Amino acid sequence: MISAKKLSKKFTIDSKVRYVLKDINLELDKGKMGMILGRSGAGKSTLLHLVAGLDIPDTGECWIGDDCISSLDEEQRAEKRLGKIGFVFQTYNFLASLKIRENILIPAILLGKEPLFRTNERIKALSDILGINHILNQMPSEVSGGELQRACIARAMINNPGLIVADEPTGNLDTTNRGIVVESFKKIRDEYDVTVLMVTHDEEIKDHSDHVFHLKDGTLSVIR
């Protein structure tokens, strides 16, 4: 599902070139969950952005299924992201003026490829799996952080993507809710055969993943 080959990304600061990522190779099969571990500032989010087509590498290429996303222009990448990639971030990015259900619906409305009743059926199915039916008609300010993050997973899945990318999704949560959210990713992976790539500095959750990588000094190594 994900095949990244010799990805490199550099930045120029005060006329000095700094490589954040150097010749990264990453393979993750369909229906698997992978975690990238590393300290803050190690380049984890940069790598995730390259995989998801939010940015493009200076060298190398990244494939999502049959699509070389790194070779597409900005508009094409945006189209692929909306339909084929779901995003879960540390900050929930919910619109405070909309109910949870309405926030979950937004990507489907933007994609506009199916009638609303079909999308509502998917919300029901996802909410059953994630245990968030009871919050769908509440405002974001009225629910807990753990519930919000599970709602974010539902939003990420609303367009039936093949890939979910998650950037520090447990970073703002306590121990109990960290476990619940990680288990929620596993449920989604198993139910929908979706690929999950997560970056985290939380060593305690790595055993929940199929594959674990470590990013240090711009170089990615395989732990298992």
N, C-alpha and C. Protein backbone atom coordinates (compact mmCIF):
# COMPACT_ATOMS: atom_id res chain seq x y z
N MET A 1 0.84 -1.22 0.00
CA MET A 1 0.00 0.00 0.00
C MET A 1 0.86 1.25 0.00
N ILE A 2 1.90 1.29 0.87
CA ILE A 2 2.84 2.41 0.89
C ILE A 2 4.20 1.89 0.45
N SER A 3 4.79 2.56 -0.51
CA SER A 3 6.14 2.23 -0.94
C SER A 3 6.90 3.52 -1.17
N ALA A 4 7.76 3.86 -0.20
CA ALA A 4 8.59 5.07 -0.31
C ALA A 4 10.02 4.65 -0.61
N LYS A 5 10.59 5.30 -1.61
CA LYS A 5 11.92 4.89 -2.09
C LYS A 5 12.86 6.09 -2.13
N LYS A 6 13.89 6.01 -1.29
CA LYS A 6 14.97 6.99 -1.25
C LYS A 6 14.46 8.44 -1.13
N LEU A 7 13.49 8.63 -0.23
CA LEU A 7 12.95 9.97 0.00
C LEU A 7 13.97 10.82 0.76
N SER A 8 14.18 12.03 0.27
CA SER A 8 15.02 13.00 0.98
C SER A 8 14.31 14.35 0.99
N LYS A 9 14.50 15.07 2.08
CA LYS A 9 13.92 16.41 2.20
C LYS A 9 14.92 17.29 2.92
N LYS A 10 15.19 18.45 2.31
CA LYS A 10 16.15 19.37 2.92
C LYS A 10 15.56 20.76 3.04
N PHE A 11 16.10 21.53 3.96
CA PHE A 11 15.72 22.91 4.15
C PHE A 11 16.98 23.76 4.16
N THR A 12 16.85 24.99 3.70
CA THR A 12 17.98 25.91 3.71
C THR A 12 17.71 27.01 4.73
N ILE A 13 18.58 27.10 5.73
CA ILE A 13 18.46 28.10 6.79
C ILE A 13 19.77 28.86 6.88
N ASP A 14 19.70 30.18 6.68
CA ASP A 14 20.91 31.02 6.72
C ASP A 14 21.97 30.49 5.77
N SER A 15 21.53 30.16 4.55
CA SER A 15 22.40 29.68 3.48
C SER A 15 23.01 28.31 3.76
N LYS A 16 22.57 27.67 4.83
CA LYS A 16 23.07 26.34 5.14
C LYS A 16 21.99 25.30 4.86
N VAL A 17 22.38 24.24 4.17
CA VAL A 17 21.44 23.18 3.81
C VAL A 17 21.42 22.12 4.92
N ARG A 18 20.21 21.79 5.38
CA ARG A 18 20.04 20.76 6.41
C ARG A 18 19.08 19.70 5.89
N TYR A 19 19.54 18.46 5.88
CA TYR A 19 18.69 17.35 5.47
C TYR A 19 17.89 16.86 6.68
N VAL A 20 16.57 16.99 6.59
CA VAL A 20 15.70 16.46 7.63
C VAL A 20 15.50 14.96 7.44
N LEU A 21 15.40 14.54 6.18
CA LEU A 21 15.27 13.13 5.82
C LEU A 21 16.28 12.78 4.74
N LYS A 22 16.90 11.60 4.87
CA LYS A 22 17.95 11.21 3.93
C LYS A 22 17.72 9.77 3.45
N ASP A 23 17.39 9.65 2.18
CA ASP A 23 17.26 8.32 1.54
C ASP A 23 16.38 7.37 2.34
N ILE A 24 15.17 7.81 2.63
CA ILE A 24 14.23 7.01 3.41
C ILE A 24 13.56 5.96 2.52
N ASN A 25 13.57 4.72 2.99
CA ASN A 25 12.82 3.64 2.35
C ASN A 25 11.80 3.11 3.35
N LEU A 26 10.56 2.99 2.90
CA LEU A 26 9.49 2.55 3.79
C LEU A 26 8.49 1.72 3.01
N GLU A 27 8.21 0.52 3.50
CA GLU A 27 7.21 -0.36 2.88
C GLU A 27 6.18 -0.75 3.94
N LEU A 28 4.91 -0.62 3.59
CA LEU A 28 3.84 -1.03 4.51
C LEU A 28 2.70 -1.60 3.67
N ASP A 29 2.37 -2.86 3.91
CA ASP A 29 1.37 -3.55 3.10
C ASP A 29 -0.04 -3.13 3.48
N LYS A 30 -0.96 -3.39 2.57
CA LYS A 30 -2.37 -3.09 2.78
C LYS A 30 -2.89 -3.83 4.01
N GLY A 31 -3.68 -3.12 4.83
CA GLY A 31 -4.29 -3.74 5.99
C GLY A 31 -3.37 -3.88 7.19
N LYS A 32 -2.20 -3.25 7.15
CA LYS A 32 -1.25 -3.31 8.26
C LYS A 32 -1.17 -1.96 8.96
N MET A 33 -0.78 -2.01 10.25
CA MET A 33 -0.55 -0.79 11.00
C MET A 33 0.94 -0.63 11.26
N GLY A 34 1.48 0.53 10.89
CA GLY A 34 2.87 0.82 11.12
C GLY A 34 3.02 2.04 12.01
N MET A 35 3.99 2.02 12.90
CA MET A 35 4.30 3.16 13.76
C MET A 35 5.73 3.60 13.54
N ILE A 36 5.92 4.90 13.40
CA ILE A 36 7.24 5.50 13.30
C ILE A 36 7.54 6.21 14.61
N LEU A 37 8.54 5.73 15.31
CA LEU A 37 8.94 6.30 16.59
C LEU A 37 10.10 7.27 16.38
N GLY A 38 10.23 8.19 17.30
CA GLY A 38 11.35 9.14 17.24
C GLY A 38 11.08 10.33 18.13
N ARG A 39 12.15 10.99 18.52
CA ARG A 39 12.01 12.16 19.37
C ARG A 39 11.37 13.32 18.62
N SER A 40 10.88 14.28 19.37
CA SER A 40 10.36 15.51 18.75
C SER A 40 11.47 16.17 17.94
N GLY A 41 11.13 16.60 16.73
CA GLY A 41 12.12 17.22 15.87
C GLY A 41 12.91 16.25 15.01
N ALA A 42 12.58 14.97 15.10
CA ALA A 42 13.33 13.96 14.34
C ALA A 42 12.94 13.93 12.86
N GLY A 43 11.84 14.58 12.50
CA GLY A 43 11.39 14.58 11.11
C GLY A 43 10.22 13.66 10.85
N LYS A 44 9.59 13.18 11.92
CA LYS A 44 8.47 12.24 11.76
C LYS A 44 7.31 12.87 10.99
N SER A 45 6.92 14.08 11.38
CA SER A 45 5.80 14.74 10.71
C SER A 45 6.16 15.06 9.25
N THR A 46 7.40 15.44 9.00
CA THR A 46 7.83 15.70 7.63
C THR A 46 7.67 14.45 6.77
N LEU A 47 8.08 13.31 7.30
CA LEU A 47 7.94 12.06 6.56
C LEU A 47 6.46 11.74 6.31
N LEU A 48 5.64 11.93 7.32
CA LEU A 48 4.22 11.67 7.15
C LEU A 48 3.62 12.57 6.07
N HIS A 49 4.04 13.83 6.05
CA HIS A 49 3.54 14.76 5.04
C HIS A 49 3.95 14.34 3.63
N LEU A 50 5.14 13.78 3.49
CA LEU A 50 5.58 13.31 2.17
C LEU A 50 4.76 12.10 1.74
N VAL A 51 4.53 11.18 2.66
CA VAL A 51 3.74 9.98 2.35
C VAL A 51 2.32 10.36 1.94
N ALA A 52 1.75 11.35 2.63
CA ALA A 52 0.36 11.73 2.38
C ALA A 52 0.20 12.75 1.26
N GLY A 53 1.29 13.19 0.67
CA GLY A 53 1.19 14.15 -0.42
C GLY A 53 0.92 15.57 0.02
N LEU A 54 1.12 15.87 1.30
CA LEU A 54 1.02 17.25 1.76
C LEU A 54 2.25 18.05 1.36
N ASP A 55 3.31 17.35 1.06
CA ASP A 55 4.55 17.98 0.60
C ASP A 55 5.19 17.01 -0.39
N ILE A 56 6.19 17.46 -1.11
CA ILE A 56 6.88 16.58 -2.06
C ILE A 56 8.35 16.50 -1.68
N PRO A 57 8.99 15.36 -1.94
CA PRO A 57 10.39 15.20 -1.58
C PRO A 57 11.31 15.94 -2.55
N ASP A 58 12.52 16.22 -2.10
CA ASP A 58 13.54 16.77 -3.00
C ASP A 58 14.08 15.69 -3.92
N THR A 59 14.19 14.48 -3.39
CA THR A 59 14.57 13.32 -4.21
C THR A 59 13.75 12.12 -3.75
N GLY A 60 13.66 11.13 -4.63
CA GLY A 60 12.92 9.92 -4.31
C GLY A 60 11.46 10.02 -4.70
N GLU A 61 10.73 8.95 -4.41
CA GLU A 61 9.32 8.90 -4.78
C GLU A 61 8.53 8.11 -3.75
N CYS A 62 7.23 8.39 -3.70
CA CYS A 62 6.35 7.70 -2.77
C CYS A 62 5.11 7.23 -3.51
N TRP A 63 4.84 5.94 -3.38
CA TRP A 63 3.66 5.33 -3.99
C TRP A 63 2.63 4.99 -2.94
N ILE A 64 1.37 5.33 -3.23
CA ILE A 64 0.21 4.90 -2.44
C ILE A 64 -0.61 4.01 -3.36
N GLY A 65 -0.51 2.72 -3.15
CA GLY A 65 -1.14 1.80 -4.09
C GLY A 65 -0.50 1.96 -5.46
N ASP A 66 -1.32 2.22 -6.47
CA ASP A 66 -0.82 2.38 -7.83
C ASP A 66 -0.48 3.82 -8.19
N ASP A 67 -0.61 4.73 -7.24
CA ASP A 67 -0.39 6.15 -7.50
C ASP A 67 0.96 6.61 -6.96
N CYS A 68 1.78 7.17 -7.82
CA CYS A 68 3.02 7.81 -7.37
C CYS A 68 2.65 9.23 -6.94
N ILE A 69 2.30 9.38 -5.68
CA ILE A 69 1.73 10.64 -5.22
C ILE A 69 2.75 11.76 -5.27
N SER A 70 4.02 11.44 -5.15
CA SER A 70 5.06 12.47 -5.16
C SER A 70 5.28 13.08 -6.54
N SER A 71 4.75 12.44 -7.59
CA SER A 71 4.92 12.96 -8.94
C SER A 71 3.73 13.80 -9.41
N LEU A 72 2.68 13.88 -8.59
CA LEU A 72 1.48 14.61 -8.97
C LEU A 72 1.62 16.09 -8.64
N ASP A 73 0.85 16.93 -9.35
CA ASP A 73 0.86 18.34 -9.01
C ASP A 73 -0.03 18.58 -7.79
N GLU A 74 -0.05 19.81 -7.30
CA GLU A 74 -0.73 20.11 -6.05
C GLU A 74 -2.22 19.79 -6.11
N GLU A 75 -2.86 20.13 -7.21
CA GLU A 75 -4.30 19.86 -7.35
C GLU A 75 -4.59 18.37 -7.38
N GLN A 76 -3.76 17.62 -8.09
CA GLN A 76 -3.96 16.17 -8.15
C GLN A 76 -3.73 15.52 -6.80
N ARG A 77 -2.73 16.00 -6.07
CA ARG A 77 -2.46 15.45 -4.74
C ARG A 77 -3.64 15.73 -3.79
N ALA A 78 -4.19 16.93 -3.90
CA ALA A 78 -5.34 17.28 -3.05
C ALA A 78 -6.53 16.36 -3.33
N GLU A 79 -6.74 16.05 -4.59
CA GLU A 79 -7.84 15.16 -4.97
C GLU A 79 -7.62 13.75 -4.40
N LYS A 80 -6.38 13.26 -4.50
CA LYS A 80 -6.07 11.94 -3.95
C LYS A 80 -6.25 11.91 -2.44
N ARG A 81 -5.81 12.97 -1.77
CA ARG A 81 -5.94 13.02 -0.31
C ARG A 81 -7.39 12.97 0.12
N LEU A 82 -8.24 13.70 -0.56
CA LEU A 82 -9.64 13.77 -0.16
C LEU A 82 -10.34 12.42 -0.31
N GLY A 83 -10.00 11.70 -1.37
CA GLY A 83 -10.71 10.45 -1.65
C GLY A 83 -10.05 9.20 -1.13
N LYS A 84 -8.71 9.22 -0.96
CA LYS A 84 -8.00 7.97 -0.69
C LYS A 84 -7.19 7.96 0.60
N ILE A 85 -7.06 9.12 1.25
CA ILE A 85 -6.24 9.19 2.47
C ILE A 85 -7.04 9.90 3.56
N GLY A 86 -7.11 9.29 4.73
CA GLY A 86 -7.75 9.93 5.87
C GLY A 86 -6.71 10.43 6.85
N PHE A 87 -6.99 11.56 7.51
CA PHE A 87 -6.02 12.19 8.40
C PHE A 87 -6.54 12.27 9.83
N VAL A 88 -5.65 11.92 10.77
CA VAL A 88 -5.93 12.08 12.19
C VAL A 88 -4.73 12.79 12.81
N PHE A 89 -4.98 13.92 13.47
CA PHE A 89 -3.89 14.71 14.02
C PHE A 89 -4.00 14.80 15.54
N GLN A 90 -2.94 15.29 16.16
CA GLN A 90 -2.93 15.47 17.61
C GLN A 90 -3.99 16.48 18.05
N THR A 91 -4.11 17.58 17.29
CA THR A 91 -5.18 18.55 17.52
C THR A 91 -6.36 18.15 16.65
N TYR A 92 -7.56 18.25 17.19
CA TYR A 92 -8.70 17.60 16.57
C TYR A 92 -9.22 18.33 15.33
N ASN A 93 -8.99 19.64 15.26
CA ASN A 93 -9.39 20.43 14.09
C ASN A 93 -10.87 20.30 13.76
N PHE A 94 -11.70 20.28 14.81
CA PHE A 94 -13.14 20.28 14.61
C PHE A 94 -13.65 21.73 14.64
N LEU A 95 -14.65 22.01 13.84
CA LEU A 95 -15.28 23.32 13.85
C LEU A 95 -16.17 23.42 15.08
N ALA A 96 -15.88 24.39 15.94
CA ALA A 96 -16.57 24.49 17.23
C ALA A 96 -18.06 24.76 17.09
N SER A 97 -18.45 25.34 15.96
CA SER A 97 -19.86 25.71 15.78
C SER A 97 -20.72 24.57 15.21
N LEU A 98 -20.09 23.45 14.89
CA LEU A 98 -20.82 22.32 14.31
C LEU A 98 -20.84 21.15 15.28
N LYS A 99 -21.90 20.37 15.22
CA LYS A 99 -21.98 19.15 16.03
C LYS A 99 -20.97 18.12 15.53
N ILE A 100 -20.71 17.11 16.36
CA ILE A 100 -19.75 16.07 16.00
C ILE A 100 -20.14 15.41 14.68
N ARG A 101 -21.42 15.05 14.51
CA ARG A 101 -21.88 14.42 13.28
C ARG A 101 -21.57 15.31 12.06
N GLU A 102 -21.82 16.59 12.19
CA GLU A 102 -21.61 17.51 11.07
C GLU A 102 -20.12 17.64 10.74
N ASN A 103 -19.28 17.62 11.76
CA ASN A 103 -17.83 17.66 11.53
C ASN A 103 -17.36 16.41 10.79
N ILE A 104 -17.88 15.26 11.18
CA ILE A 104 -17.51 14.01 10.53
C ILE A 104 -17.92 14.02 9.06
N LEU A 105 -19.03 14.67 8.76
CA LEU A 105 -19.57 14.71 7.39
C LEU A 105 -18.76 15.56 6.42
N ILE A 106 -18.00 16.51 6.91
CA ILE A 106 -17.38 17.52 6.04
C ILE A 106 -16.58 16.92 4.88
N PRO A 107 -15.67 15.95 5.10
CA PRO A 107 -14.93 15.42 3.94
C PRO A 107 -15.83 14.78 2.89
N ALA A 108 -16.92 14.14 3.31
CA ALA A 108 -17.84 13.53 2.36
C ALA A 108 -18.58 14.58 1.54
N ILE A 109 -18.94 15.67 2.18
CA ILE A 109 -19.60 16.77 1.46
C ILE A 109 -18.64 17.38 0.43
N LEU A 110 -17.38 17.53 0.84
CA LEU A 110 -16.39 18.09 -0.09
C LEU A 110 -16.16 17.16 -1.28
N LEU A 111 -16.14 15.85 -1.02
CA LEU A 111 -15.92 14.90 -2.12
C LEU A 111 -17.15 14.82 -3.01
N GLY A 112 -18.34 14.81 -2.40
CA GLY A 112 -19.59 14.87 -3.15
C GLY A 112 -19.85 13.73 -4.09
N LYS A 113 -19.51 12.51 -3.70
CA LYS A 113 -19.64 11.38 -4.63
C LYS A 113 -20.75 10.40 -4.27
N GLU A 114 -21.48 10.64 -3.16
CA GLU A 114 -22.54 9.71 -2.83
C GLU A 114 -23.68 10.47 -2.14
N PRO A 115 -24.89 9.92 -2.17
CA PRO A 115 -26.02 10.58 -1.51
C PRO A 115 -25.83 10.60 0.00
N LEU A 116 -26.46 11.57 0.64
CA LEU A 116 -26.27 11.78 2.06
C LEU A 116 -26.70 10.57 2.89
N PHE A 117 -27.74 9.86 2.47
CA PHE A 117 -28.20 8.73 3.28
C PHE A 117 -27.14 7.64 3.34
N ARG A 118 -26.34 7.47 2.26
CA ARG A 118 -25.27 6.48 2.28
C ARG A 118 -24.18 6.91 3.26
N THR A 119 -23.86 8.18 3.26
CA THR A 119 -22.85 8.68 4.18
C THR A 119 -23.31 8.53 5.62
N ASN A 120 -24.59 8.79 5.87
CA ASN A 120 -25.12 8.62 7.23
C ASN A 120 -25.09 7.16 7.67
N GLU A 121 -25.29 6.25 6.73
CA GLU A 121 -25.16 4.83 7.06
C GLU A 121 -23.73 4.51 7.48
N ARG A 122 -22.75 5.12 6.79
CA ARG A 122 -21.36 4.88 7.15
C ARG A 122 -21.03 5.48 8.52
N ILE A 123 -21.58 6.67 8.79
CA ILE A 123 -21.36 7.26 10.12
C ILE A 123 -21.89 6.33 11.20
N LYS A 124 -23.06 5.75 10.98
CA LYS A 124 -23.65 4.82 11.95
C LYS A 124 -22.74 3.62 12.17
N ALA A 125 -22.24 3.04 11.08
CA ALA A 125 -21.38 1.86 11.19
C ALA A 125 -20.08 2.20 11.90
N LEU A 126 -19.46 3.32 11.53
CA LEU A 126 -18.21 3.72 12.16
C LEU A 126 -18.41 4.04 13.63
N SER A 127 -19.50 4.72 13.94
CA SER A 127 -19.78 5.10 15.32
C SER A 127 -20.02 3.87 16.20
N ASP A 128 -20.65 2.84 15.64
CA ASP A 128 -20.84 1.60 16.38
C ASP A 128 -19.49 0.96 16.73
N ILE A 129 -18.60 0.92 15.75
CA ILE A 129 -17.29 0.31 15.96
C ILE A 129 -16.47 1.11 16.97
N LEU A 130 -16.55 2.43 16.88
CA LEU A 130 -15.72 3.30 17.71
C LEU A 130 -16.36 3.68 19.05
N GLY A 131 -17.62 3.32 19.23
CA GLY A 131 -18.30 3.60 20.48
C GLY A 131 -18.57 5.08 20.72
N ILE A 132 -18.99 5.80 19.67
CA ILE A 132 -19.23 7.24 19.81
C ILE A 132 -20.64 7.65 19.40
N ASN A 133 -21.56 6.70 19.32
CA ASN A 133 -22.94 7.06 18.95
C ASN A 133 -23.52 8.11 19.87
N HIS A 134 -23.16 8.04 21.14
CA HIS A 134 -23.77 8.92 22.15
C HIS A 134 -23.31 10.37 22.05
N ILE A 135 -22.27 10.66 21.25
CA ILE A 135 -21.77 12.04 21.16
C ILE A 135 -22.07 12.70 19.83
N LEU A 136 -22.69 12.01 18.91
CA LEU A 136 -22.84 12.54 17.54
C LEU A 136 -23.59 13.86 17.48
N ASN A 137 -24.55 14.06 18.38
CA ASN A 137 -25.34 15.29 18.36
C ASN A 137 -24.87 16.32 19.38
N GLN A 138 -23.67 16.11 19.93
CA GLN A 138 -23.10 17.06 20.86
C GLN A 138 -22.09 17.97 20.14
N MET A 139 -21.75 19.07 20.79
CA MET A 139 -20.76 19.99 20.25
C MET A 139 -19.36 19.52 20.69
N PRO A 140 -18.33 19.86 19.95
CA PRO A 140 -16.98 19.43 20.32
C PRO A 140 -16.58 19.83 21.74
N SER A 141 -17.04 20.96 22.21
CA SER A 141 -16.68 21.43 23.55
C SER A 141 -17.34 20.60 24.66
N GLU A 142 -18.30 19.75 24.29
CA GLU A 142 -19.07 19.02 25.30
C GLU A 142 -18.57 17.59 25.53
N VAL A 143 -17.54 17.18 24.80
CA VAL A 143 -17.08 15.78 24.91
C VAL A 143 -15.61 15.73 25.30
N SER A 144 -15.15 14.57 25.73
CA SER A 144 -13.78 14.42 26.20
C SER A 144 -12.78 14.33 25.04
N GLY A 145 -11.50 14.49 25.37
CA GLY A 145 -10.47 14.39 24.34
C GLY A 145 -10.42 13.02 23.70
N GLY A 146 -10.58 11.97 24.49
CA GLY A 146 -10.58 10.63 23.92
C GLY A 146 -11.73 10.40 22.96
N GLU A 147 -12.91 10.91 23.32
CA GLU A 147 -14.07 10.80 22.43
C GLU A 147 -13.86 11.61 21.15
N LEU A 148 -13.29 12.80 21.29
CA LEU A 148 -13.02 13.61 20.11
C LEU A 148 -12.05 12.91 19.16
N GLN A 149 -11.03 12.26 19.72
CA GLN A 149 -10.07 11.61 18.84
C GLN A 149 -10.69 10.42 18.13
N ARG A 150 -11.59 9.71 18.79
CA ARG A 150 -12.30 8.62 18.10
C ARG A 150 -13.22 9.19 17.01
N ALA A 151 -13.82 10.35 17.27
CA ALA A 151 -14.62 11.01 16.23
C ALA A 151 -13.73 11.43 15.06
N CYS A 152 -12.50 11.81 15.35
CA CYS A 152 -11.55 12.16 14.27
C CYS A 152 -11.25 10.95 13.40
N ILE A 153 -11.17 9.78 14.02
CA ILE A 153 -10.96 8.55 13.24
C ILE A 153 -12.15 8.30 12.33
N ALA A 154 -13.37 8.52 12.85
CA ALA A 154 -14.56 8.37 12.02
C ALA A 154 -14.54 9.35 10.85
N ARG A 155 -14.16 10.60 11.12
CA ARG A 155 -14.06 11.59 10.05
C ARG A 155 -13.03 11.17 9.01
N ALA A 156 -11.89 10.63 9.46
CA ALA A 156 -10.85 10.19 8.54
C ALA A 156 -11.32 9.04 7.65
N MET A 157 -12.27 8.24 8.16
CA MET A 157 -12.74 7.06 7.43
C MET A 157 -13.97 7.33 6.57
N ILE A 158 -14.54 8.52 6.63
CA ILE A 158 -15.86 8.75 6.05
C ILE A 158 -15.89 8.58 4.54
N ASN A 159 -14.76 8.81 3.86
CA ASN A 159 -14.73 8.64 2.40
C ASN A 159 -14.16 7.30 1.98
N ASN A 160 -14.11 6.35 2.90
CA ASN A 160 -13.62 5.00 2.60
C ASN A 160 -12.20 5.00 2.04
N PRO A 161 -11.25 5.63 2.69
CA PRO A 161 -9.89 5.66 2.16
C PRO A 161 -9.19 4.31 2.33
N GLY A 162 -8.12 4.13 1.59
CA GLY A 162 -7.32 2.93 1.77
C GLY A 162 -6.22 3.12 2.80
N LEU A 163 -5.94 4.39 3.13
CA LEU A 163 -4.83 4.71 4.03
C LEU A 163 -5.27 5.75 5.06
N ILE A 164 -4.92 5.50 6.32
CA ILE A 164 -5.08 6.50 7.38
C ILE A 164 -3.68 6.90 7.85
N VAL A 165 -3.41 8.20 7.89
CA VAL A 165 -2.15 8.69 8.46
C VAL A 165 -2.50 9.45 9.73
N ALA A 166 -1.72 9.20 10.78
CA ALA A 166 -2.01 9.78 12.08
C ALA A 166 -0.75 10.38 12.67
N ASP A 167 -0.82 11.66 12.99
CA ASP A 167 0.33 12.40 13.51
C ASP A 167 0.16 12.65 15.01
N GLU A 168 0.87 11.88 15.82
CA GLU A 168 0.80 11.98 17.29
C GLU A 168 -0.65 11.96 17.79
N PRO A 169 -1.44 10.97 17.39
CA PRO A 169 -2.87 10.99 17.74
C PRO A 169 -3.16 10.77 19.22
N THR A 170 -2.17 10.28 19.98
CA THR A 170 -2.38 10.06 21.41
C THR A 170 -1.64 11.09 22.26
N GLY A 171 -1.05 12.08 21.63
CA GLY A 171 -0.18 13.01 22.34
C GLY A 171 -0.86 13.83 23.42
N ASN A 172 -2.16 14.10 23.25
CA ASN A 172 -2.89 14.93 24.23
C ASN A 172 -3.74 14.12 25.20
N LEU A 173 -3.56 12.80 25.22
CA LEU A 173 -4.46 11.94 25.96
C LEU A 173 -3.79 11.31 27.18
N ASP A 174 -4.63 10.98 28.18
CA ASP A 174 -4.12 10.27 29.34
C ASP A 174 -3.94 8.79 29.00
N THR A 175 -3.39 8.03 29.94
CA THR A 175 -3.04 6.63 29.68
C THR A 175 -4.24 5.81 29.24
N THR A 176 -5.37 5.97 29.93
CA THR A 176 -6.56 5.19 29.59
C THR A 176 -7.04 5.49 28.19
N ASN A 177 -7.13 6.76 27.86
CA ASN A 177 -7.64 7.14 26.53
C ASN A 177 -6.63 6.83 25.42
N ARG A 178 -5.34 6.84 25.74
CA ARG A 178 -4.35 6.42 24.74
C ARG A 178 -4.63 4.99 24.31
N GLY A 179 -4.87 4.13 25.29
CA GLY A 179 -5.16 2.74 24.97
C GLY A 179 -6.43 2.56 24.16
N ILE A 180 -7.46 3.31 24.52
CA ILE A 180 -8.73 3.22 23.81
C ILE A 180 -8.57 3.67 22.35
N VAL A 181 -7.84 4.75 22.14
CA VAL A 181 -7.67 5.27 20.77
C VAL A 181 -6.85 4.31 19.92
N VAL A 182 -5.78 3.76 20.48
CA VAL A 182 -4.97 2.80 19.71
C VAL A 182 -5.81 1.57 19.36
N GLU A 183 -6.60 1.08 20.31
CA GLU A 183 -7.48 -0.05 20.02
C GLU A 183 -8.50 0.31 18.94
N SER A 184 -8.92 1.56 18.90
CA SER A 184 -9.86 2.02 17.88
C SER A 184 -9.23 1.95 16.49
N PHE A 185 -7.97 2.34 16.39
CA PHE A 185 -7.27 2.19 15.11
C PHE A 185 -7.21 0.73 14.68
N LYS A 186 -6.95 -0.16 15.62
CA LYS A 186 -6.87 -1.58 15.31
C LYS A 186 -8.23 -2.12 14.84
N LYS A 187 -9.31 -1.67 15.47
CA LYS A 187 -10.65 -2.10 15.06
C LYS A 187 -10.95 -1.66 13.62
N ILE A 188 -10.60 -0.40 13.31
CA ILE A 188 -10.82 0.12 11.97
C ILE A 188 -9.98 -0.65 10.95
N ARG A 189 -8.72 -0.90 11.30
CA ARG A 189 -7.84 -1.68 10.42
C ARG A 189 -8.44 -3.04 10.11
N ASP A 190 -8.92 -3.72 11.15
CA ASP A 190 -9.43 -5.07 10.97
C ASP A 190 -10.77 -5.09 10.22
N GLU A 191 -11.64 -4.14 10.52
CA GLU A 191 -12.98 -4.12 9.93
C GLU A 191 -12.96 -3.70 8.46
N TYR A 192 -12.09 -2.75 8.12
CA TYR A 192 -12.11 -2.16 6.78
C TYR A 192 -10.87 -2.49 5.95
N ASP A 193 -9.97 -3.28 6.51
CA ASP A 193 -8.73 -3.64 5.81
C ASP A 193 -7.97 -2.40 5.34
N VAL A 194 -7.97 -1.38 6.19
CA VAL A 194 -7.32 -0.12 5.86
C VAL A 194 -5.89 -0.14 6.40
N THR A 195 -4.99 0.52 5.71
CA THR A 195 -3.61 0.66 6.16
C THR A 195 -3.51 1.87 7.08
N VAL A 196 -2.78 1.73 8.18
CA VAL A 196 -2.62 2.82 9.14
C VAL A 196 -1.14 3.10 9.33
N LEU A 197 -0.73 4.35 9.12
CA LEU A 197 0.64 4.77 9.41
C LEU A 197 0.58 5.88 10.44
N MET A 198 1.22 5.65 11.58
CA MET A 198 1.15 6.58 12.70
C MET A 198 2.56 7.00 13.09
N VAL A 199 2.75 8.29 13.38
CA VAL A 199 4.00 8.73 13.97
C VAL A 199 3.75 9.11 15.42
N THR A 200 4.70 8.76 16.28
CA THR A 200 4.52 8.99 17.71
C THR A 200 5.87 8.99 18.41
N HIS A 201 5.93 9.65 19.54
CA HIS A 201 7.11 9.53 20.40
C HIS A 201 6.77 8.66 21.62
N ASP A 202 5.57 8.08 21.62
CA ASP A 202 5.07 7.30 22.75
C ASP A 202 5.49 5.83 22.60
N GLU A 203 6.57 5.46 23.26
CA GLU A 203 7.09 4.09 23.18
C GLU A 203 6.10 3.06 23.73
N GLU A 204 5.22 3.48 24.62
CA GLU A 204 4.33 2.54 25.30
C GLU A 204 3.29 1.91 24.37
N ILE A 205 3.02 2.52 23.23
CA ILE A 205 1.97 2.00 22.36
C ILE A 205 2.51 1.20 21.18
N LYS A 206 3.84 1.04 21.08
CA LYS A 206 4.42 0.42 19.90
C LYS A 206 4.04 -1.05 19.74
N ASP A 207 3.77 -1.75 20.86
CA ASP A 207 3.45 -3.17 20.79
C ASP A 207 2.09 -3.43 20.16
N HIS A 208 1.29 -2.40 19.97
CA HIS A 208 -0.02 -2.56 19.34
C HIS A 208 0.07 -2.57 17.81
N SER A 209 1.25 -2.38 17.26
CA SER A 209 1.41 -2.20 15.83
C SER A 209 1.97 -3.45 15.16
N ASP A 210 1.66 -3.60 13.87
CA ASP A 210 2.22 -4.72 13.10
C ASP A 210 3.70 -4.51 12.80
N HIS A 211 4.05 -3.26 12.48
CA HIS A 211 5.43 -2.93 12.13
C HIS A 211 5.85 -1.65 12.85
N VAL A 212 7.09 -1.61 13.28
CA VAL A 212 7.61 -0.46 14.01
C VAL A 212 8.91 0.01 13.36
N PHE A 213 8.98 1.32 13.15
CA PHE A 213 10.17 1.94 12.57
C PHE A 213 10.70 2.99 13.54
N HIS A 214 11.97 3.34 13.37
CA HIS A 214 12.56 4.38 14.22
C HIS A 214 13.27 5.40 13.34
N LEU A 215 12.96 6.66 13.58
CA LEU A 215 13.57 7.75 12.80
C LEU A 215 14.52 8.53 13.69
N LYS A 216 15.76 8.61 13.26
CA LYS A 216 16.78 9.33 14.02
C LYS A 216 17.79 9.92 13.05
N ASP A 217 18.08 11.22 13.24
CA ASP A 217 19.07 11.92 12.41
C ASP A 217 18.77 11.77 10.92
N GLY A 218 17.47 11.80 10.59
CA GLY A 218 17.07 11.75 9.19
C GLY A 218 17.09 10.38 8.55
N THR A 219 17.39 9.34 9.34
CA THR A 219 17.50 7.98 8.81
C THR A 219 16.47 7.09 9.46
N LEU A 220 15.80 6.28 8.64
CA LEU A 220 14.74 5.38 9.15
C LEU A 220 15.28 3.96 9.25
N SER A 221 15.07 3.34 10.40
CA SER A 221 15.45 1.95 10.59
C SER A 221 14.23 1.14 10.97
N VAL A 222 14.28 -0.15 10.67
CA VAL A 222 13.17 -1.06 10.96
C VAL A 222 13.45 -1.74 12.29
N ILE A 223 12.51 -1.61 13.24
CA ILE A 223 12.61 -2.32 14.51
C ILE A 223 12.00 -3.71 14.38
N ARG A 224 10.81 -3.75 13.74
CA ARG A 224 10.23 -5.07 13.42
C ARG A 224 9.20 -4.92 12.30
